[in-house]
Amino acid sequence: MFILRTAFWLSLAVLVLPTDARQQQALTSKIMDTVHHVSTFCDRNEKACKTGTRYWGVFRQKADYGFQLAVKLISEQLSGPRADVDAAYQRPASSTLRSDDLTPQWRGKKAQSGI
């Protein structure tokens, strides 16, 4: 499915490209100007790049912590119950009922025969 979607979008992009040589030259020129403008952004806006770099570092630290936390939680869930969990919260291995707990306390009156 991924290959079909990729092929669709690539073919759509090819259909939009110009066929006239003059239009192709203009498009190439605009693309080169855009690449130059983007690549020299930090030369023109040094303060914005320093601030962005700092925020990107904080974002990466938070993303790394979140990833490690998710991996830890998933591995704990897959490994079963933890050893430090209180025994009261764990299911007992066998039944805790005694034999007198299993006998009913009240059965009602016996039915009268011969009515």
Protein backbone atom coordinates (compact mmCIF):
# COMPACT_ATOMS: atom_id res chain seq x y z
CA MET A 1 0.00 0.00 0.00
CA PHE A 2 2.89 2.33 0.79
CA ILE A 3 4.35 1.79 -2.67
CA LEU A 4 1.04 2.64 -4.32
CA ARG A 5 0.69 5.87 -2.34
CA THR A 6 4.26 6.85 -3.11
CA ALA A 7 3.80 6.13 -6.80
CA PHE A 8 0.60 8.20 -6.84
CA TRP A 9 2.20 11.26 -5.25
CA LEU A 10 5.33 11.00 -7.40
CA SER A 11 3.26 10.77 -10.57
CA LEU A 12 1.20 13.76 -9.43
CA ALA A 13 4.40 15.76 -8.87
CA VAL A 14 5.69 14.79 -12.33
CA LEU A 15 2.42 15.93 -13.91
CA VAL A 16 2.79 19.37 -12.34
CA LEU A 17 6.31 19.92 -13.71
CA PRO A 18 6.52 22.25 -16.72
CA THR A 19 7.41 21.01 -20.22
CA ASP A 20 8.47 24.35 -21.73
CA ALA A 21 12.26 24.94 -21.53
CA ARG A 22 11.83 28.57 -20.40
CA GLN A 23 9.43 27.53 -17.61
CA GLN A 24 11.81 24.76 -16.55
CA GLN A 25 14.67 27.27 -16.34
CA ALA A 26 12.53 29.63 -14.25
CA LEU A 27 11.50 26.81 -11.91
CA THR A 28 15.13 25.70 -11.51
CA SER A 29 16.18 29.26 -10.72
CA LYS A 30 13.44 29.65 -8.10
CA ILE A 31 14.36 26.35 -6.47
CA MET A 32 18.05 27.32 -6.30
CA ASP A 33 17.17 30.72 -4.80
CA THR A 34 14.97 29.03 -2.19
CA VAL A 35 17.69 26.55 -1.24
CA HIS A 36 20.22 29.40 -0.91
CA HIS A 37 17.77 31.46 1.18
CA VAL A 38 17.08 28.55 3.55
CA SER A 39 20.73 27.54 3.88
CA THR A 40 21.81 31.09 4.82
CA PHE A 41 19.02 31.66 7.35
CA CYS A 42 21.34 31.42 10.37
CA ASP A 43 23.76 33.92 8.81
CA ARG A 44 20.97 36.47 8.61
CA ASN A 45 19.20 35.57 11.90
CA GLU A 46 21.87 34.46 14.35
CA LYS A 47 19.78 35.09 17.48
CA ALA A 48 16.83 33.07 16.17
CA CYS A 49 19.11 30.14 15.32
CA LYS A 50 20.72 30.13 18.78
CA THR A 51 17.30 30.18 20.45
CA GLY A 52 16.01 27.45 18.14
CA THR A 53 19.05 25.30 18.81
CA ARG A 54 18.55 25.64 22.57
CA TYR A 55 14.86 24.74 22.34
CA TRP A 56 15.64 21.82 20.04
CA GLY A 57 18.06 20.48 22.67
CA VAL A 58 15.39 20.68 25.38
CA PHE A 59 12.89 18.99 23.08
CA ARG A 60 15.32 16.16 22.34
CA GLN A 61 15.97 15.62 26.07
CA LYS A 62 12.23 15.44 26.79
CA ALA A 63 11.62 13.12 23.85
CA ASP A 64 14.45 10.85 25.01
CA TYR A 65 13.04 10.73 28.54
CA GLY A 66 9.54 9.97 27.22
CA PHE A 67 10.89 7.18 25.02
CA GLN A 68 12.85 5.63 27.90
CA LEU A 69 9.78 5.84 30.16
CA ALA A 70 7.58 4.15 27.55
CA VAL A 71 10.12 1.37 27.02
CA LYS A 72 10.38 0.83 30.79
CA LEU A 73 6.60 0.66 31.23
CA ILE A 74 6.14 -1.71 28.32
CA SER A 75 8.94 -4.00 29.46
CA GLU A 76 7.45 -4.12 32.97
CA GLN A 77 4.04 -5.03 31.56
CA LEU A 78 5.50 -7.77 29.39
CA SER A 79 7.66 -9.24 32.16
CA GLY A 80 4.68 -9.91 34.46
CA PRO A 81 4.01 -8.81 38.05
CA ARG A 82 6.81 -7.04 39.86
CA ALA A 83 8.48 -8.64 42.86
CA ASP A 84 8.03 -5.56 45.04
CA VAL A 85 4.23 -5.56 44.72
CA ASP A 86 2.49 -6.27 48.03
CA ALA A 87 1.40 -9.90 48.30
CA ALA A 88 -2.15 -8.84 49.23
CA TYR A 89 -2.70 -7.62 45.68
CA GLN A 90 -1.58 -10.86 44.08
CA ARG A 91 -4.04 -13.68 43.32
CA PRO A 92 -3.60 -16.70 45.59
CA ALA A 93 -2.39 -19.91 44.00
CA SER A 94 -5.28 -21.99 45.39
CA SER A 95 -8.74 -21.45 46.89
CA THR A 96 -8.89 -19.96 50.39
CA LEU A 97 -12.35 -21.34 51.17
CA ARG A 98 -12.73 -23.96 53.90
CA SER A 99 -15.07 -26.92 53.57
CA ASP A 100 -17.63 -25.40 56.02
CA ASP A 101 -17.66 -22.24 53.84
CA LEU A 102 -18.86 -24.34 50.93
CA THR A 103 -21.87 -25.88 52.72
CA PRO A 104 -25.06 -23.83 52.50
CA GLN A 105 -26.31 -22.26 55.76
CA TRP A 106 -30.03 -22.40 55.07
CA ARG A 107 -32.08 -24.75 52.94
CA GLY A 108 -35.66 -23.74 53.77
CA LYS A 109 -38.54 -25.97 54.92
CA LYS A 110 -38.97 -29.45 53.62
CA ALA A 111 -41.93 -29.85 51.29
CA GLN A 112 -44.95 -31.59 52.81
CA SER A 113 -45.98 -34.64 50.97
CA GLY A 114 -49.65 -35.62 50.55
CA ILE A 115 -51.36 -32.32 50.23
